[in-house]
Amino acid sequence: MRKLMFFLLLLTGLWSGYWFVGSGAIRQGVEAGFADAARQGLVAENTGLTVAGFPNRFDLTVQGLRLGDPATGVFWQAPFAQVFAMTWKPWHIIAALPPEQVVTLPGQAVTVTSSDLKASLRAKPAMDLPLAEVRLAGASLGLASDRGWTLALGEFTLGLRADPALGPAGYELGFDLAPLTPDPAIPAAVRAVAIPDLPPADLPDVVESLWGSLYLTFTAPLDRHAGDTRPILTRIEVNQLNLAWGDLSASARGTVEADDQGFAAGRVTVEVTNWNRLPAILVAASVVKPELAPTVARGMQALAAQTPDTSVLSLTLVMENGRMSFGPFPLGPAPRMLPPTG
């Protein structure tokens, strides 16, 4: 009995020592990170830092956060942020974010309001700490700019997970971002557009469905060496991408990857059902001038007539030789995925 008691006391002492050493290391690491960012000319401020959760968790709370880069004019401000990890698996952390934050961009400030907003990051228990999964979810999310626009999400999820089938630097990005409520001015502007021989673009105020998954390949794995290896995205496969907005729906599939000059190259086929709502959206978005809308609509009608279902318009986004086109419409230079060499 004495031996058992001694063993339990020893185990308790070791576990307590592990927690206090670990919590101290976390605190020192975070403080060093703030100091290092400040030395690099970044804004990295907080009004308080605590580590709690003894004996089974490491609970980090940072109060009065303000982070930013004066060179770009991008800042993030929050009253607090919390990071939690179980002591027996510190490679899996969960972050809880406040119900209100402010993101400052050049020329505007965006207030972010949310409900039950959480993020989690899980690495594989290996020396390089390769990313296994990162996930962001919430019951609601709202954006309100001081320039007047708004955007709101209902219950949503966004996640990136390692996919061994795609190679050591391959990941799947999955998302479900609807119901989505754009700024009320957007559907109102679309409904105000009248195009001869087309029905009204009677889009509702809420996008009912927006979900999909993309397969991503980088030049290097996302792990603790990412600051040195600087992974660059070189391939995007649109596995599925789906949108439903009233009578308008769309889906996309295809692959884009860097060519030998670093430009994006590939094909993505987009199918739009009830495409006759699309010209009004293009006019409201200032992509097409109002006087050209009837011509664009007739072109879409001619293309849709080539399919078995004339309510479906199928167009392919083509990127090749550094140029980009969408169906018969030229769009200009293709984006670069890799920096030029030589």
C-alpha atoms as a PDB file:
ATOM      1  CA  MET A   1       0.000   0.000   0.000  1.00  0.00           C
ATOM      2  CA  ARG A   2       2.844   2.365   0.830  1.00  0.00           C
ATOM      3  CA  LYS A   3       4.511   1.571  -2.482  1.00  0.00           C
ATOM      4  CA  LEU A   4       1.297   2.347  -4.343  1.00  0.00           C
ATOM      5  CA  MET A   5       0.894   5.613  -2.438  1.00  0.00           C
ATOM      6  CA  PHE A   6       4.502   6.542  -3.142  1.00  0.00           C
ATOM      7  CA  PHE A   7       4.015   5.757  -6.838  1.00  0.00           C
ATOM      8  CA  LEU A   8       0.876   7.909  -7.017  1.00  0.00           C
ATOM      9  CA  LEU A   9       2.602  10.814  -5.280  1.00  0.00           C
ATOM     10  CA  LEU A  10       5.589  10.499  -7.626  1.00  0.00           C
ATOM     11  CA  LEU A  11       3.328  10.399 -10.659  1.00  0.00           C
ATOM     12  CA  THR A  12       1.390  13.442  -9.428  1.00  0.00           C
ATOM     13  CA  GLY A  13       4.607  15.339  -8.840  1.00  0.00           C
ATOM     14  CA  LEU A  14       5.946  14.511 -12.292  1.00  0.00           C
ATOM     15  CA  TRP A  15       2.669  15.453 -13.967  1.00  0.00           C
ATOM     16  CA  SER A  16       2.501  18.737 -12.035  1.00  0.00           C
ATOM     17  CA  GLY A  17       6.089  19.502 -12.986  1.00  0.00           C
ATOM     18  CA  TYR A  18       5.304  18.766 -16.631  1.00  0.00           C
ATOM     19  CA  TRP A  19       2.328  21.158 -16.544  1.00  0.00           C
ATOM     20  CA  PHE A  20       4.251  24.012 -14.905  1.00  0.00           C
ATOM     21  CA  VAL A  21       7.231  23.598 -17.237  1.00  0.00           C
ATOM     22  CA  GLY A  22       4.917  23.382 -20.260  1.00  0.00           C
ATOM     23  CA  SER A  23       2.832  26.393 -19.243  1.00  0.00           C
ATOM     24  CA  GLY A  24       5.978  28.435 -18.672  1.00  0.00           C
ATOM     25  CA  ALA A  25       7.326  27.451 -22.071  1.00  0.00           C
ATOM     26  CA  ILE A  26       4.043  28.449 -23.720  1.00  0.00           C
ATOM     27  CA  ARG A  27       4.047  31.824 -22.005  1.00  0.00           C
ATOM     28  CA  GLN A  28       7.679  32.505 -22.886  1.00  0.00           C
ATOM     29  CA  GLY A  29       7.117  31.403 -26.481  1.00  0.00           C
ATOM     30  CA  VAL A  30       4.136  33.704 -26.981  1.00  0.00           C
ATOM     31  CA  GLU A  31       5.913  36.650 -25.367  1.00  0.00           C
ATOM     32  CA  ALA A  32       8.969  36.008 -27.540  1.00  0.00           C
ATOM     33  CA  GLY A  33       6.724  35.886 -30.628  1.00  0.00           C
ATOM     34  CA  PHE A  34       5.222  39.291 -29.824  1.00  0.00           C
ATOM     35  CA  ALA A  35       8.660  40.757 -29.182  1.00  0.00           C
ATOM     36  CA  ASP A  36      10.091  39.307 -32.394  1.00  0.00           C
ATOM     37  CA  ALA A  37       7.196  40.692 -34.451  1.00  0.00           C
ATOM     38  CA  ALA A  38       7.738  44.148 -32.945  1.00  0.00           C
ATOM     39  CA  ARG A  39      11.449  43.997 -33.819  1.00  0.00           C
ATOM     40  CA  GLN A  40      10.466  43.319 -37.433  1.00  0.00           C
ATOM     41  CA  GLY A  41       8.419  46.519 -37.550  1.00  0.00           C
ATOM     42  CA  LEU A  42       5.032  44.851 -37.135  1.00  0.00           C
ATOM     43  CA  VAL A  43       2.376  45.894 -34.639  1.00  0.00           C
ATOM     44  CA  ALA A  44       2.026  43.173 -31.985  1.00  0.00           C
ATOM     45  CA  GLU A  45       0.369  44.363 -28.804  1.00  0.00           C
ATOM     46  CA  ASN A  46      -1.559  42.825 -25.927  1.00  0.00           C
ATOM     47  CA  THR A  47      -2.677  43.987 -22.487  1.00  0.00           C
ATOM     48  CA  GLY A  48      -2.335  40.669 -20.670  1.00  0.00           C
ATOM     49  CA  LEU A  49      -1.394  37.037 -21.059  1.00  0.00           C
ATOM     50  CA  THR A  50      -2.315  34.087 -18.815  1.00  0.00           C
ATOM     51  CA  VAL A  51      -1.948  30.312 -18.939  1.00  0.00           C
ATOM     52  CA  ALA A  52      -4.396  28.217 -16.886  1.00  0.00           C
ATOM     53  CA  GLY A  53      -6.047  24.789 -17.055  1.00  0.00           C
ATOM     54  CA  PHE A  54      -3.991  22.820 -14.498  1.00  0.00           C
ATOM     55  CA  PRO A  55      -3.663  19.866 -14.541  1.00  0.00           C
ATOM     56  CA  ASN A  56      -5.192  18.515 -17.781  1.00  0.00           C
ATOM     57  CA  ARG A  57      -5.198  21.474 -20.184  1.00  0.00           C
ATOM     58  CA  PHE A  58      -3.090  24.355 -21.341  1.00  0.00           C
ATOM     59  CA  ASP A  59      -5.516  27.296 -21.617  1.00  0.00           C
ATOM     60  CA  LEU A  60      -3.864  30.382 -23.082  1.00  0.00           C
ATOM     61  CA  THR A  61      -5.758  33.693 -22.936  1.00  0.00           C
ATOM     62  CA  VAL A  62      -4.389  36.847 -24.559  1.00  0.00           C
ATOM     63  CA  GLN A  63      -6.211  40.084 -23.736  1.00  0.00           C
ATOM     64  CA  GLY A  64      -6.328  43.330 -25.698  1.00  0.00           C
ATOM     65  CA  LEU A  65      -4.936  42.017 -28.983  1.00  0.00           C
ATOM     66  CA  ARG A  66      -3.801  44.311 -31.775  1.00  0.00           C
ATOM     67  CA  LEU A  67      -1.803  42.835 -34.633  1.00  0.00           C
ATOM     68  CA  GLY A  68      -0.938  44.374 -37.968  1.00  0.00           C
ATOM     69  CA  ASP A  69       1.503  45.353 -40.672  1.00  0.00           C
ATOM     70  CA  PRO A  70       1.956  49.113 -41.154  1.00  0.00           C
ATOM     71  CA  ALA A  71       3.448  48.480 -44.603  1.00  0.00           C
ATOM     72  CA  THR A  72       0.212  46.981 -45.930  1.00  0.00           C
ATOM     73  CA  GLY A  73      -2.224  48.829 -43.676  1.00  0.00           C
ATOM     74  CA  VAL A  74      -3.856  45.563 -42.540  1.00  0.00           C
ATOM     75  CA  PHE A  75      -4.640  45.265 -38.805  1.00  0.00           C
ATOM     76  CA  TRP A  76      -6.656  42.946 -36.561  1.00  0.00           C
ATOM     77  CA  GLN A  77      -8.005  44.012 -33.191  1.00  0.00           C
ATOM     78  CA  ALA A  78      -9.867  41.851 -30.655  1.00  0.00           C
ATOM     79  CA  PRO A  79     -10.647  42.133 -26.934  1.00  0.00           C
ATOM     80  CA  PHE A  80      -9.264  38.633 -26.368  1.00  0.00           C
ATOM     81  CA  ALA A  81      -8.338  35.317 -27.977  1.00  0.00           C
ATOM     82  CA  GLN A  82      -8.131  31.920 -26.292  1.00  0.00           C
ATOM     83  CA  VAL A  83      -6.194  28.816 -27.286  1.00  0.00           C
ATOM     84  CA  PHE A  84      -6.786  25.433 -25.624  1.00  0.00           C
ATOM     85  CA  ALA A  85      -4.832  22.168 -25.773  1.00  0.00           C
ATOM     86  CA  MET A  86      -5.018  18.963 -23.769  1.00  0.00           C
ATOM     87  CA  THR A  87      -1.783  18.279 -21.935  1.00  0.00           C
ATOM     88  CA  TRP A  88      -1.469  14.774 -23.417  1.00  0.00           C
ATOM     89  CA  LYS A  89      -1.876  15.935 -27.053  1.00  0.00           C
ATOM     90  CA  PRO A  90      -0.473  19.464 -27.398  1.00  0.00           C
ATOM     91  CA  TRP A  91      -0.362  19.024 -31.194  1.00  0.00           C
ATOM     92  CA  HIS A  92      -4.156  19.558 -31.299  1.00  0.00           C
ATOM     93  CA  ILE A  93      -5.216  23.088 -30.388  1.00  0.00           C
ATOM     94  CA  ILE A  94      -8.603  24.822 -30.370  1.00  0.00           C
ATOM     95  CA  ALA A  95      -9.024  28.589 -30.537  1.00  0.00           C
ATOM     96  CA  ALA A  96     -12.081  30.518 -29.338  1.00  0.00           C
ATOM     97  CA  LEU A  97     -12.565  33.963 -30.831  1.00  0.00           C
ATOM     98  CA  PRO A  98     -14.571  36.882 -29.397  1.00  0.00           C
ATOM     99  CA  PRO A  99     -18.061  37.822 -30.625  1.00  0.00           C
ATOM    100  CA  GLU A 100     -16.724  41.088 -32.056  1.00  0.00           C
ATOM    101  CA  GLN A 101     -13.458  41.880 -33.830  1.00  0.00           C
ATOM    102  CA  VAL A 102     -12.261  44.659 -36.112  1.00  0.00           C
ATOM    103  CA  VAL A 103     -10.219  44.121 -39.274  1.00  0.00           C
ATOM    104  CA  THR A 104      -8.706  47.284 -40.735  1.00  0.00           C
ATOM    105  CA  LEU A 105      -7.932  47.269 -44.448  1.00  0.00           C
ATOM    106  CA  PRO A 106      -6.561  50.086 -46.608  1.00  0.00           C
ATOM    107  CA  GLY A 107      -9.412  52.570 -46.846  1.00  0.00           C
ATOM    108  CA  GLN A 108     -11.928  50.835 -44.605  1.00  0.00           C
ATOM    109  CA  ALA A 109     -12.555  49.080 -41.306  1.00  0.00           C
ATOM    110  CA  VAL A 110     -14.665  45.916 -41.141  1.00  0.00           C
ATOM    111  CA  THR A 111     -16.408  44.901 -37.928  1.00  0.00           C
ATOM    112  CA  VAL A 112     -16.715  41.128 -37.601  1.00  0.00           C
ATOM    113  CA  THR A 113     -19.494  39.803 -35.373  1.00  0.00           C
ATOM    114  CA  SER A 114     -19.982  36.119 -34.725  1.00  0.00           C
ATOM    115  CA  SER A 115     -21.627  33.474 -32.611  1.00  0.00           C
ATOM    116  CA  ASP A 116     -19.753  30.402 -31.348  1.00  0.00           C
ATOM    117  CA  LEU A 117     -16.795  31.082 -33.654  1.00  0.00           C
ATOM    118  CA  LYS A 118     -14.079  28.463 -33.158  1.00  0.00           C
ATOM    119  CA  ALA A 119     -10.976  27.338 -34.986  1.00  0.00           C
ATOM    120  CA  SER A 120      -9.007  24.131 -34.531  1.00  0.00           C
ATOM    121  CA  LEU A 121      -5.603  23.035 -35.731  1.00  0.00           C
ATOM    122  CA  ARG A 122      -4.429  19.454 -35.559  1.00  0.00           C
ATOM    123  CA  ALA A 123      -0.916  18.409 -36.489  1.00  0.00           C
ATOM    124  CA  LYS A 124       0.417  14.884 -36.807  1.00  0.00           C
ATOM    125  CA  PRO A 125       2.461  13.831 -33.759  1.00  0.00           C
ATOM    126  CA  ALA A 126       5.830  13.891 -35.564  1.00  0.00           C
ATOM    127  CA  MET A 127       9.002  15.953 -35.267  1.00  0.00           C
ATOM    128  CA  ASP A 128       8.075  18.181 -38.250  1.00  0.00           C
ATOM    129  CA  LEU A 129       4.496  18.682 -36.951  1.00  0.00           C
ATOM    130  CA  PRO A 130       2.918  18.276 -40.422  1.00  0.00           C
ATOM    131  CA  LEU A 131      -0.565  19.742 -40.721  1.00  0.00           C
ATOM    132  CA  ALA A 132      -3.326  17.164 -40.404  1.00  0.00           C
ATOM    133  CA  GLU A 133      -6.323  19.494 -40.395  1.00  0.00           C
ATOM    134  CA  VAL A 134      -7.301  23.101 -39.746  1.00  0.00           C
ATOM    135  CA  ARG A 135     -10.960  24.015 -39.388  1.00  0.00           C
ATOM    136  CA  LEU A 136     -13.054  27.159 -38.865  1.00  0.00           C
ATOM    137  CA  ALA A 137     -16.732  26.960 -37.921  1.00  0.00           C
ATOM    138  CA  GLY A 138     -19.405  29.106 -36.365  1.00  0.00           C
ATOM    139  CA  ALA A 139     -23.132  29.430 -35.790  1.00  0.00           C
ATOM    140  CA  SER A 140     -23.130  32.824 -37.532  1.00  0.00           C
ATOM    141  CA  LEU A 141     -20.732  35.388 -38.966  1.00  0.00           C
ATOM    142  CA  GLY A 142     -21.382  38.970 -40.002  1.00  0.00           C
ATOM    143  CA  LEU A 143     -19.210  41.569 -41.720  1.00  0.00           C
ATOM    144  CA  ALA A 144     -20.052  45.279 -41.664  1.00  0.00           C
ATOM    145  CA  SER A 145     -17.780  47.819 -43.337  1.00  0.00           C
ATOM    146  CA  ASP A 146     -17.631  51.486 -42.410  1.00  0.00           C
ATOM    147  CA  ARG A 147     -17.985  52.064 -46.170  1.00  0.00           C
ATOM    148  CA  GLY A 148     -21.550  50.763 -45.944  1.00  0.00           C
ATOM    149  CA  TRP A 149     -21.554  47.179 -47.219  1.00  0.00           C
ATOM    150  CA  THR A 150     -22.510  44.063 -45.227  1.00  0.00           C
ATOM    151  CA  LEU A 151     -22.234  40.294 -45.583  1.00  0.00           C
ATOM    152  CA  ALA A 152     -23.666  37.590 -43.336  1.00  0.00           C
ATOM    153  CA  LEU A 153     -23.328  33.823 -42.994  1.00  0.00           C
ATOM    154  CA  GLY A 154     -25.497  31.399 -41.095  1.00  0.00           C
ATOM    155  CA  GLU A 155     -23.983  28.203 -39.705  1.00  0.00           C
ATOM    156  CA  PHE A 156     -20.818  27.585 -41.727  1.00  0.00           C
ATOM    157  CA  THR A 157     -17.711  25.408 -41.915  1.00  0.00           C
ATOM    158  CA  LEU A 158     -14.368  25.808 -43.676  1.00  0.00           C
ATOM    159  CA  GLY A 159     -11.620  23.208 -43.417  1.00  0.00           C
ATOM    160  CA  LEU A 160      -8.269  22.194 -44.865  1.00  0.00           C
ATOM    161  CA  ARG A 161      -7.005  18.639 -44.317  1.00  0.00           C
ATOM    162  CA  ALA A 162      -4.009  16.654 -45.514  1.00  0.00           C
ATOM    163  CA  ASP A 163      -4.851  14.125 -48.242  1.00  0.00           C
ATOM    164  CA  PRO A 164      -2.143  11.438 -48.691  1.00  0.00           C
ATOM    165  CA  ALA A 165      -3.637  10.514 -52.074  1.00  0.00           C
ATOM    166  CA  LEU A 166      -2.489  13.922 -53.371  1.00  0.00           C
ATOM    167  CA  GLY A 167       1.116  13.455 -52.228  1.00  0.00           C
ATOM    168  CA  PRO A 168       3.112  14.791 -49.263  1.00  0.00           C
ATOM    169  CA  ALA A 169       2.103  18.396 -50.036  1.00  0.00           C
ATOM    170  CA  GLY A 170      -1.527  17.769 -51.038  1.00  0.00           C
ATOM    171  CA  TYR A 171      -4.609  18.987 -49.163  1.00  0.00           C
ATOM    172  CA  GLU A 172      -8.371  19.111 -49.540  1.00  0.00           C
ATOM    173  CA  LEU A 173     -10.162  22.400 -48.912  1.00  0.00           C
ATOM    174  CA  GLY A 174     -13.834  21.885 -48.070  1.00  0.00           C
ATOM    175  CA  PHE A 175     -16.434  24.530 -47.324  1.00  0.00           C
ATOM    176  CA  ASP A 176     -20.133  25.091 -46.722  1.00  0.00           C
ATOM    177  CA  LEU A 177     -20.837  28.830 -46.653  1.00  0.00           C
ATOM    178  CA  ALA A 178     -24.603  29.090 -46.933  1.00  0.00           C
ATOM    179  CA  PRO A 179     -27.070  30.426 -46.106  1.00  0.00           C
ATOM    180  CA  LEU A 180     -25.224  33.544 -47.234  1.00  0.00           C
ATOM    181  CA  THR A 181     -26.790  36.996 -47.172  1.00  0.00           C
ATOM    182  CA  PRO A 182     -24.987  39.500 -49.406  1.00  0.00           C
ATOM    183  CA  ASP A 183     -25.345  43.221 -48.963  1.00  0.00           C
ATOM    184  CA  PRO A 184     -29.036  44.069 -49.651  1.00  0.00           C
ATOM    185  CA  ALA A 185     -27.942  46.477 -52.388  1.00  0.00           C
ATOM    186  CA  ILE A 186     -26.637  43.565 -54.500  1.00  0.00           C
ATOM    187  CA  PRO A 187     -29.877  41.581 -55.094  1.00  0.00           C
ATOM    188  CA  ALA A 188     -31.771  44.897 -55.300  1.00  0.00           C
ATOM    189  CA  ALA A 189     -29.458  46.103 -58.076  1.00  0.00           C
ATOM    190  CA  VAL A 190     -29.855  42.788 -59.927  1.00  0.00           C
ATOM    191  CA  ARG A 191     -33.644  42.921 -59.696  1.00  0.00           C
ATOM    192  CA  ALA A 192     -33.610  46.486 -61.027  1.00  0.00           C
ATOM    193  CA  VAL A 193     -31.993  45.429 -64.326  1.00  0.00           C
ATOM    194  CA  ALA A 194     -34.463  44.861 -67.168  1.00  0.00           C
ATOM    195  CA  ILE A 195     -33.229  43.128 -70.326  1.00  0.00           C
ATOM    196  CA  PRO A 196     -35.531  42.692 -73.354  1.00  0.00           C
ATOM    197  CA  ASP A 197     -36.796  39.125 -73.986  1.00  0.00           C
ATOM    198  CA  LEU A 198     -35.460  37.891 -70.629  1.00  0.00           C
ATOM    199  CA  PRO A 199     -37.489  37.264 -67.470  1.00  0.00           C
ATOM    200  CA  PRO A 200     -36.760  39.442 -64.411  1.00  0.00           C
ATOM    201  CA  ALA A 201     -33.726  38.331 -62.411  1.00  0.00           C
ATOM    202  CA  ASP A 202     -35.880  37.626 -59.369  1.00  0.00           C
ATOM    203  CA  LEU A 203     -33.057  36.574 -57.079  1.00  0.00           C
ATOM    204  CA  PRO A 204     -33.923  36.350 -53.370  1.00  0.00           C
ATOM    205  CA  ASP A 205     -31.977  38.165 -50.666  1.00  0.00           C
ATOM    206  CA  VAL A 206     -30.299  34.952 -49.460  1.00  0.00           C
ATOM    207  CA  VAL A 207     -28.022  32.515 -51.304  1.00  0.00           C
ATOM    208  CA  GLU A 208     -29.415  29.169 -50.220  1.00  0.00           C
ATOM    209  CA  SER A 209     -26.400  26.982 -51.015  1.00  0.00           C
ATOM    210  CA  LEU A 210     -22.679  27.484 -51.572  1.00  0.00           C
ATOM    211  CA  TRP A 211     -20.486  24.466 -50.936  1.00  0.00           C
ATOM    212  CA  GLY A 212     -17.709  22.433 -52.491  1.00  0.00           C
ATOM    213  CA  SER A 213     -14.249  20.945 -52.207  1.00  0.00           C
ATOM    214  CA  LEU A 214     -10.924  21.765 -53.873  1.00  0.00           C
ATOM    215  CA  TYR A 215      -7.786  19.619 -54.048  1.00  0.00           C
ATOM    216  CA  LEU A 216      -4.670  21.753 -53.515  1.00  0.00           C
ATOM    217  CA  THR A 217      -1.017  20.893 -54.139  1.00  0.00           C
ATOM    218  CA  PHE A 218       1.862  23.003 -52.796  1.00  0.00           C
ATOM    219  CA  THR A 219       5.594  23.060 -53.471  1.00  0.00           C
ATOM    220  CA  ALA A 220       6.275  21.878 -49.891  1.00  0.00           C
ATOM    221  CA  PRO A 221       4.278  20.428 -46.983  1.00  0.00           C
ATOM    222  CA  LEU A 222       2.562  22.715 -44.494  1.00  0.00           C
ATOM    223  CA  ASP A 223       4.563  21.970 -41.348  1.00  0.00           C
ATOM    224  CA  ARG A 224       6.779  23.727 -38.805  1.00  0.00           C
ATOM    225  CA  HIS A 225       9.360  24.422 -41.542  1.00  0.00           C
ATOM    226  CA  ALA A 226       6.852  26.388 -43.670  1.00  0.00           C
ATOM    227  CA  GLY A 227       8.489  29.688 -42.688  1.00  0.00           C
ATOM    228  CA  ASP A 228      11.674  28.523 -44.397  1.00  0.00           C
ATOM    229  CA  THR A 229      10.271  26.422 -47.273  1.00  0.00           C
ATOM    230  CA  ARG A 230       7.515  28.969 -48.075  1.00  0.00           C
ATOM    231  CA  PRO A 231       5.028  26.594 -49.744  1.00  0.00           C
ATOM    232  CA  ILE A 232       3.473  27.927 -52.965  1.00  0.00           C
ATOM    233  CA  LEU A 233       0.214  26.658 -54.455  1.00  0.00           C
ATOM    234  CA  THR A 234       0.933  24.975 -57.811  1.00  0.00           C
ATOM    235  CA  ARG A 235      -2.223  22.967 -58.591  1.00  0.00           C
ATOM    236  CA  ILE A 236      -5.955  23.402 -57.938  1.00  0.00           C
ATOM    237  CA  GLU A 237      -8.468  20.714 -58.795  1.00  0.00           C
ATOM    238  CA  VAL A 238     -12.089  21.797 -58.474  1.00  0.00           C
ATOM    239  CA  ASN A 239     -13.575  18.538 -57.266  1.00  0.00           C
ATOM    240  CA  GLN A 240     -17.011  20.085 -56.783  1.00  0.00           C
ATOM    241  CA  LEU A 241     -18.326  23.610 -56.501  1.00  0.00           C
ATOM    242  CA  ASN A 242     -22.050  24.248 -56.202  1.00  0.00           C
ATOM    243  CA  LEU A 243     -24.218  27.339 -55.824  1.00  0.00           C
ATOM    244  CA  ALA A 244     -27.991  27.755 -55.578  1.00  0.00           C
ATOM    245  CA  TRP A 245     -29.506  31.243 -55.512  1.00  0.00           C
ATOM    246  CA  GLY A 246     -33.216  31.216 -56.135  1.00  0.00           C
ATOM    247  CA  ASP A 247     -33.868  29.799 -59.609  1.00  0.00           C
ATOM    248  CA  LEU A 248     -30.221  30.256 -60.564  1.00  0.00           C
ATOM    249  CA  SER A 249     -27.803  27.405 -59.865  1.00  0.00           C
ATOM    250  CA  ALA A 250     -24.250  26.714 -60.948  1.00  0.00           C
ATOM    251  CA  SER A 251     -21.604  24.024 -60.637  1.00  0.00           C
ATOM    252  CA  ALA A 252     -17.957  23.770 -61.668  1.00  0.00           C
ATOM    253  CA  ARG A 253     -15.302  21.087 -62.155  1.00  0.00           C
ATOM    254  CA  GLY A 254     -11.799  21.166 -63.574  1.00  0.00           C
ATOM    255  CA  THR A 255      -8.086  21.546 -62.905  1.00  0.00           C
ATOM    256  CA  VAL A 256      -5.637  24.441 -63.027  1.00  0.00           C
ATOM    257  CA  GLU A 257      -1.887  24.082 -62.465  1.00  0.00           C
ATOM    258  CA  ALA A 258       1.275  26.067 -63.079  1.00  0.00           C
ATOM    259  CA  ASP A 259       2.823  25.659 -66.533  1.00  0.00           C
ATOM    260  CA  ASP A 260       6.557  25.760 -67.240  1.00  0.00           C
ATOM    261  CA  GLN A 261       6.456  29.576 -67.227  1.00  0.00           C
ATOM    262  CA  GLY A 262       4.623  29.734 -63.900  1.00  0.00           C
ATOM    263  CA  PHE A 263       1.272  30.808 -65.381  1.00  0.00           C
ATOM    264  CA  ALA A 264      -1.992  29.115 -64.423  1.00  0.00           C
ATOM    265  CA  ALA A 265      -2.997  26.625 -67.115  1.00  0.00           C
ATOM    266  CA  GLY A 266      -5.940  24.258 -67.392  1.00  0.00           C
ATOM    267  CA  ARG A 267      -9.696  24.058 -67.866  1.00  0.00           C
ATOM    268  CA  VAL A 268     -12.642  24.518 -65.529  1.00  0.00           C
ATOM    269  CA  THR A 269     -16.116  23.814 -66.896  1.00  0.00           C
ATOM    270  CA  VAL A 270     -18.975  25.820 -65.420  1.00  0.00           C
ATOM    271  CA  GLU A 271     -22.623  24.850 -65.872  1.00  0.00           C
ATOM    272  CA  VAL A 272     -25.294  27.457 -65.104  1.00  0.00           C
ATOM    273  CA  THR A 273     -28.942  26.417 -64.865  1.00  0.00           C
ATOM    274  CA  ASN A 274     -31.474  29.154 -65.657  1.00  0.00           C
ATOM    275  CA  TRP A 275     -28.663  31.189 -67.175  1.00  0.00           C
ATOM    276  CA  ASN A 276     -31.167  33.891 -68.252  1.00  0.00           C
ATOM    277  CA  ARG A 277     -30.686  35.429 -64.769  1.00  0.00           C
ATOM    278  CA  LEU A 278     -26.953  35.752 -65.413  1.00  0.00           C
ATOM    279  CA  PRO A 279     -26.856  38.810 -67.747  1.00  0.00           C
ATOM    280  CA  ALA A 280     -28.598  40.954 -65.125  1.00  0.00           C
ATOM    281  CA  ILE A 281     -26.007  39.883 -62.535  1.00  0.00           C
ATOM    282  CA  LEU A 282     -23.186  40.847 -64.917  1.00  0.00           C
ATOM    283  CA  VAL A 283     -24.759  44.269 -65.510  1.00  0.00           C
ATOM    284  CA  ALA A 284     -25.297  44.888 -61.774  1.00  0.00           C
ATOM    285  CA  ALA A 285     -21.667  43.892 -61.123  1.00  0.00           C
ATOM    286  CA  SER A 286     -20.507  46.360 -63.844  1.00  0.00           C
ATOM    287  CA  VAL A 287     -18.905  43.508 -65.779  1.00  0.00           C
ATOM    288  CA  VAL A 288     -21.169  44.181 -68.781  1.00  0.00           C
ATOM    289  CA  LYS A 289     -22.458  47.598 -69.863  1.00  0.00           C
ATOM    290  CA  PRO A 290     -26.274  47.832 -69.867  1.00  0.00           C
ATOM    291  CA  GLU A 291     -26.396  48.571 -73.621  1.00  0.00           C
ATOM    292  CA  LEU A 292     -24.423  45.398 -74.342  1.00  0.00           C
ATOM    293  CA  ALA A 293     -26.577  43.128 -72.154  1.00  0.00           C
ATOM    294  CA  PRO A 294     -29.012  42.112 -74.956  1.00  0.00           C
ATOM    295  CA  THR A 295     -26.089  41.114 -77.177  1.00  0.00           C
ATOM    296  CA  VAL A 296     -24.498  39.084 -74.370  1.00  0.00           C
ATOM    297  CA  ALA A 297     -27.868  37.440 -73.643  1.00  0.00           C
ATOM    298  CA  ARG A 298     -28.308  36.438 -77.301  1.00  0.00           C
ATOM    299  CA  GLY A 299     -24.800  34.957 -77.309  1.00  0.00           C
ATOM    300  CA  MET A 300     -25.574  32.933 -74.180  1.00  0.00           C
ATOM    301  CA  GLN A 301     -28.850  31.783 -75.728  1.00  0.00           C
ATOM    302  CA  ALA A 302     -27.017  30.569 -78.839  1.00  0.00           C
ATOM    303  CA  LEU A 303     -24.513  28.642 -76.719  1.00  0.00           C
ATOM    304  CA  ALA A 304     -27.251  27.133 -74.543  1.00  0.00           C
ATOM    305  CA  ALA A 305     -29.095  26.010 -77.680  1.00  0.00           C
ATOM    306  CA  GLN A 306     -26.215  23.622 -78.361  1.00  0.00           C
ATOM    307  CA  THR A 307     -27.050  21.591 -75.224  1.00  0.00           C
ATOM    308  CA  PRO A 308     -29.944  19.120 -74.770  1.00  0.00           C
ATOM    309  CA  ASP A 309     -31.431  21.352 -72.073  1.00  0.00           C
ATOM    310  CA  THR A 310     -31.595  24.958 -73.311  1.00  0.00           C
ATOM    311  CA  SER A 311     -31.971  26.256 -69.743  1.00  0.00           C
ATOM    312  CA  VAL A 312     -28.402  25.083 -69.042  1.00  0.00           C
ATOM    313  CA  LEU A 313     -25.396  27.091 -70.207  1.00  0.00           C
ATOM    314  CA  SER A 314     -22.037  25.305 -70.203  1.00  0.00           C
ATOM    315  CA  LEU A 315     -18.896  27.394 -70.523  1.00  0.00           C
ATOM    316  CA  THR A 316     -15.249  26.454 -70.028  1.00  0.00           C
ATOM    317  CA  LEU A 317     -12.675  28.684 -68.394  1.00  0.00           C
ATOM    318  CA  VAL A 318      -9.528  28.033 -70.448  1.00  0.00           C
ATOM    319  CA  MET A 319      -6.048  29.094 -69.345  1.00  0.00           C
ATOM    320  CA  GLU A 320      -3.152  28.406 -71.675  1.00  0.00           C
ATOM    321  CA  ASN A 321      -0.003  30.126 -72.928  1.00  0.00           C
ATOM    322  CA  GLY A 322      -0.374  32.843 -70.331  1.00  0.00           C
ATOM    323  CA  ARG A 323      -3.850  33.894 -71.539  1.00  0.00           C
ATOM    324  CA  MET A 324      -7.345  33.286 -70.215  1.00  0.00           C
ATOM    325  CA  SER A 325     -10.807  33.032 -71.796  1.00  0.00           C
ATOM    326  CA  PHE A 326     -14.281  32.048 -70.619  1.00  0.00           C
ATOM    327  CA  GLY A 327     -16.098  30.298 -73.436  1.00  0.00           C
ATOM    328  CA  PRO A 328     -15.830  32.651 -76.439  1.00  0.00           C
ATOM    329  CA  PHE A 329     -15.060  35.663 -74.224  1.00  0.00           C
ATOM    330  CA  PRO A 330     -11.349  36.641 -73.838  1.00  0.00           C
ATOM    331  CA  LEU A 331     -10.447  37.694 -70.285  1.00  0.00           C
ATOM    332  CA  GLY A 332      -6.824  38.750 -70.660  1.00  0.00           C
ATOM    333  CA  PRO A 333      -3.614  37.464 -69.020  1.00  0.00           C
ATOM    334  CA  ALA A 334      -3.751  34.316 -66.882  1.00  0.00           C
ATOM    335  CA  PRO A 335      -2.632  34.727 -63.256  1.00  0.00           C
ATOM    336  CA  ARG A 336       0.799  33.581 -62.161  1.00  0.00           C
ATOM    337  CA  MET A 337       1.046  30.678 -59.751  1.00  0.00           C
ATOM    338  CA  LEU A 338       4.851  30.552 -59.579  1.00  0.00           C
ATOM    339  CA  PRO A 339       7.291  33.488 -59.748  1.00  0.00           C
ATOM    340  CA  PRO A 340       9.321  33.830 -62.958  1.00  0.00           C
ATOM    341  CA  THR A 341      12.692  32.057 -62.989  1.00  0.00           C
ATOM    342  CA  GLY A 342      16.014  32.864 -64.540  1.00  0.00           C
END
